[in-house]
Amino acid sequence: QVQLVESGGGLVQAGGSLRLSCAASGRTFSTYAMGWFRQAPGKGRDFVGAIRWSGGDTYHVPSLKDRFTISRDNAKNTMYLQMNSLKPEDTAVYYCAAGPLTVRWSDQTFDYWGQGTQVTVSS
């Protein structure tokens, strides 16, 4: 099993920035993709973006790609989500996830999940 632990959430004013971290352990990640999801209060879980562990190829949902950036540090087995120009509607629990690499982003699935970290953006 892969263990994922998110950190870095907190309270921030609109327009501010946060950097979330997801520390991974349990196995090699060279053939894995890792992604970020978020769930706002009373709503479903939405995909934010993902990164292929070995080469660093990323995908960000179009609505967030100008403000959110995913990266990773192979040596630390850690994935990051840099969030800039935060808006109140970004308030959510943010989860990291991992799954075996697929050829196309549209086929990517995520089998392992972290516990989530709360991000609250005030107006």
C-alpha atoms as a PDB file:
ATOM      1  CA  GLN A   1       0.000   0.000   0.000  1.00  0.00           C
ATOM      2  CA  VAL A   2       0.979   3.598  -0.609  1.00  0.00           C
ATOM      3  CA  GLN A   3       0.666   6.003   2.288  1.00  0.00           C
ATOM      4  CA  LEU A   4      -0.035   9.654   1.517  1.00  0.00           C
ATOM      5  CA  VAL A   5      -0.007  12.503   4.026  1.00  0.00           C
ATOM      6  CA  GLU A   6      -1.085  16.037   3.128  1.00  0.00           C
ATOM      7  CA  SER A   7       0.037  19.156   4.949  1.00  0.00           C
ATOM      8  CA  GLY A   8       0.204  22.910   4.481  1.00  0.00           C
ATOM      9  CA  GLY A   9      -3.440  23.881   4.663  1.00  0.00           C
ATOM     10  CA  GLY A  10      -4.745  26.746   6.716  1.00  0.00           C
ATOM     11  CA  LEU A  11      -6.591  30.036   6.720  1.00  0.00           C
ATOM     12  CA  VAL A  12      -5.625  32.651   4.147  1.00  0.00           C
ATOM     13  CA  GLN A  13      -7.158  35.872   2.866  1.00  0.00           C
ATOM     14  CA  ALA A  14      -8.467  36.147  -0.669  1.00  0.00           C
ATOM     15  CA  GLY A  15      -5.624  36.920  -3.041  1.00  0.00           C
ATOM     16  CA  GLY A  16      -3.098  35.102  -0.908  1.00  0.00           C
ATOM     17  CA  SER A  17      -1.124  31.942  -1.545  1.00  0.00           C
ATOM     18  CA  LEU A  18      -0.597  28.539   0.009  1.00  0.00           C
ATOM     19  CA  ARG A  19       1.648  25.614  -0.834  1.00  0.00           C
ATOM     20  CA  LEU A  20       0.314  22.183   0.001  1.00  0.00           C
ATOM     21  CA  SER A  21       2.545  19.146   0.359  1.00  0.00           C
ATOM     22  CA  CYS A  22       1.828  15.450  -0.024  1.00  0.00           C
ATOM     23  CA  ALA A  23       4.447  13.089   1.369  1.00  0.00           C
ATOM     24  CA  ALA A  24       4.338   9.588  -0.102  1.00  0.00           C
ATOM     25  CA  SER A  25       5.797   6.308   1.134  1.00  0.00           C
ATOM     26  CA  GLY A  26       5.415   2.563   0.668  1.00  0.00           C
ATOM     27  CA  ARG A  27       6.820   1.803  -2.774  1.00  0.00           C
ATOM     28  CA  THR A  28       8.576   3.216  -5.801  1.00  0.00           C
ATOM     29  CA  PHE A  29       6.673   5.896  -7.684  1.00  0.00           C
ATOM     30  CA  SER A  30       8.472   5.821 -11.009  1.00  0.00           C
ATOM     31  CA  THR A  31       5.436   4.224 -12.686  1.00  0.00           C
ATOM     32  CA  TYR A  32       2.817   6.220 -10.803  1.00  0.00           C
ATOM     33  CA  ALA A  33       0.868   9.400 -11.216  1.00  0.00           C
ATOM     34  CA  MET A  34      -0.112  11.554  -8.264  1.00  0.00           C
ATOM     35  CA  GLY A  35      -2.925  14.041  -8.168  1.00  0.00           C
ATOM     36  CA  TRP A  36      -4.757  16.633  -6.138  1.00  0.00           C
ATOM     37  CA  PHE A  37      -8.487  16.715  -5.477  1.00  0.00           C
ATOM     38  CA  ARG A  38     -10.652  19.001  -3.398  1.00  0.00           C
ATOM     39  CA  GLN A  39     -14.037  18.806  -1.739  1.00  0.00           C
ATOM     40  CA  ALA A  40     -15.940  21.915  -0.684  1.00  0.00           C
ATOM     41  CA  PRO A  41     -18.497  21.750   2.153  1.00  0.00           C
ATOM     42  CA  GLY A  42     -21.638  19.969   1.008  1.00  0.00           C
ATOM     43  CA  LYS A  43     -20.220  19.223  -2.440  1.00  0.00           C
ATOM     44  CA  GLY A  44     -18.589  16.361  -4.262  1.00  0.00           C
ATOM     45  CA  ARG A  45     -14.886  15.768  -4.730  1.00  0.00           C
ATOM     46  CA  ASP A  46     -13.392  17.576  -7.729  1.00  0.00           C
ATOM     47  CA  PHE A  47     -10.184  16.897  -9.615  1.00  0.00           C
ATOM     48  CA  VAL A  48      -7.553  19.658  -9.468  1.00  0.00           C
ATOM     49  CA  GLY A  49      -4.597  18.255 -11.377  1.00  0.00           C
ATOM     50  CA  ALA A  50      -1.937  15.562 -11.463  1.00  0.00           C
ATOM     51  CA  ILE A  51       1.694  14.825 -12.202  1.00  0.00           C
ATOM     52  CA  ARG A  52       3.496  11.806 -13.603  1.00  0.00           C
ATOM     53  CA  TRP A  53       6.110  10.947 -11.028  1.00  0.00           C
ATOM     54  CA  SER A  54       9.064  10.011 -13.198  1.00  0.00           C
ATOM     55  CA  GLY A  55       9.064  12.674 -15.897  1.00  0.00           C
ATOM     56  CA  GLY A  56       7.094  15.406 -14.163  1.00  0.00           C
ATOM     57  CA  ASP A  57       4.478  15.767 -16.904  1.00  0.00           C
ATOM     58  CA  THR A  58       1.511  17.627 -15.428  1.00  0.00           C
ATOM     59  CA  TYR A  59      -2.151  18.195 -16.089  1.00  0.00           C
ATOM     60  CA  HIS A  60      -4.196  20.988 -14.522  1.00  0.00           C
ATOM     61  CA  VAL A  61      -7.909  21.504 -14.996  1.00  0.00           C
ATOM     62  CA  PRO A  62      -8.420  24.530 -17.280  1.00  0.00           C
ATOM     63  CA  SER A  63     -10.313  26.548 -14.686  1.00  0.00           C
ATOM     64  CA  LEU A  64      -7.376  26.407 -12.265  1.00  0.00           C
ATOM     65  CA  LYS A  65      -4.281  26.180 -14.436  1.00  0.00           C
ATOM     66  CA  ASP A  66      -3.512  29.914 -14.238  1.00  0.00           C
ATOM     67  CA  ARG A  67      -3.479  29.914 -10.432  1.00  0.00           C
ATOM     68  CA  PHE A  68      -2.548  26.383  -9.320  1.00  0.00           C
ATOM     69  CA  THR A  69       0.701  24.587 -10.110  1.00  0.00           C
ATOM     70  CA  ILE A  70       1.632  20.994  -9.326  1.00  0.00           C
ATOM     71  CA  SER A  71       5.235  19.910  -8.876  1.00  0.00           C
ATOM     72  CA  ARG A  72       7.209  17.173  -7.155  1.00  0.00           C
ATOM     73  CA  ASP A  73      10.532  16.480  -5.475  1.00  0.00           C
ATOM     74  CA  ASN A  74      11.668  12.950  -6.305  1.00  0.00           C
ATOM     75  CA  ALA A  75      14.297  12.853  -3.571  1.00  0.00           C
ATOM     76  CA  LYS A  76      11.695  13.663  -0.920  1.00  0.00           C
ATOM     77  CA  ASN A  77       8.844  11.620  -2.427  1.00  0.00           C
ATOM     78  CA  THR A  78       6.738  14.737  -2.074  1.00  0.00           C
ATOM     79  CA  MET A  79       4.195  16.354  -4.369  1.00  0.00           C
ATOM     80  CA  TYR A  80       3.263  20.016  -4.061  1.00  0.00           C
ATOM     81  CA  LEU A  81       0.305  22.167  -4.973  1.00  0.00           C
ATOM     82  CA  GLN A  82       1.171  25.856  -5.226  1.00  0.00           C
ATOM     83  CA  MET A  83      -2.024  27.894  -4.998  1.00  0.00           C
ATOM     84  CA  ASN A  84      -1.921  31.585  -5.872  1.00  0.00           C
ATOM     85  CA  SER A  85      -4.566  34.313  -6.053  1.00  0.00           C
ATOM     86  CA  LEU A  86      -6.818  32.282  -3.808  1.00  0.00           C
ATOM     87  CA  LYS A  87     -10.544  32.922  -3.826  1.00  0.00           C
ATOM     88  CA  PRO A  88     -13.217  32.111  -1.243  1.00  0.00           C
ATOM     89  CA  GLU A  89     -14.581  29.475  -3.605  1.00  0.00           C
ATOM     90  CA  ASP A  90     -11.271  27.624  -3.285  1.00  0.00           C
ATOM     91  CA  THR A  91     -12.221  26.762   0.287  1.00  0.00           C
ATOM     92  CA  ALA A  92     -12.217  22.975   0.541  1.00  0.00           C
ATOM     93  CA  VAL A  93     -10.514  19.945   1.971  1.00  0.00           C
ATOM     94  CA  TYR A  94      -7.653  19.153  -0.383  1.00  0.00           C
ATOM     95  CA  TYR A  95      -6.642  15.529  -0.912  1.00  0.00           C
ATOM     96  CA  CYS A  96      -3.677  13.973  -2.628  1.00  0.00           C
ATOM     97  CA  ALA A  97      -3.977  10.653  -4.420  1.00  0.00           C
ATOM     98  CA  ALA A  98      -1.856   8.174  -6.375  1.00  0.00           C
ATOM     99  CA  GLY A  99      -2.401   5.531  -9.036  1.00  0.00           C
ATOM    100  CA  PRO A 100      -0.524   3.485 -11.641  1.00  0.00           C
ATOM    101  CA  LEU A 101       0.587   5.491 -14.651  1.00  0.00           C
ATOM    102  CA  THR A 102      -1.596   5.406 -17.756  1.00  0.00           C
ATOM    103  CA  VAL A 103      -0.772   6.474 -21.299  1.00  0.00           C
ATOM    104  CA  ARG A 104      -3.505   9.100 -21.461  1.00  0.00           C
ATOM    105  CA  TRP A 105      -4.536  11.498 -18.718  1.00  0.00           C
ATOM    106  CA  SER A 106      -8.156  10.712 -19.553  1.00  0.00           C
ATOM    107  CA  ASP A 107      -7.590   7.096 -18.427  1.00  0.00           C
ATOM    108  CA  GLN A 108      -5.827   7.955 -15.174  1.00  0.00           C
ATOM    109  CA  THR A 109      -7.275   6.504 -11.971  1.00  0.00           C
ATOM    110  CA  PHE A 110      -6.259   7.036  -8.366  1.00  0.00           C
ATOM    111  CA  ASP A 111      -6.269   4.160  -5.895  1.00  0.00           C
ATOM    112  CA  TYR A 112      -4.533   5.585  -2.831  1.00  0.00           C
ATOM    113  CA  TRP A 113      -5.638   8.629  -0.876  1.00  0.00           C
ATOM    114  CA  GLY A 114      -4.396  10.871   1.870  1.00  0.00           C
ATOM    115  CA  GLN A 115      -6.408  12.149   4.802  1.00  0.00           C
ATOM    116  CA  GLY A 116      -6.871  15.662   3.441  1.00  0.00           C
ATOM    117  CA  THR A 117      -5.871  19.116   4.591  1.00  0.00           C
ATOM    118  CA  GLN A 118      -8.258  22.026   5.108  1.00  0.00           C
ATOM    119  CA  VAL A 119      -7.855  25.203   3.072  1.00  0.00           C
ATOM    120  CA  THR A 120     -10.050  28.137   4.061  1.00  0.00           C
ATOM    121  CA  VAL A 121     -10.003  31.377   2.071  1.00  0.00           C
ATOM    122  CA  SER A 122     -11.635  34.404   3.666  1.00  0.00           C
ATOM    123  CA  SER A 123     -12.971  37.411   1.777  1.00  0.00           C
END
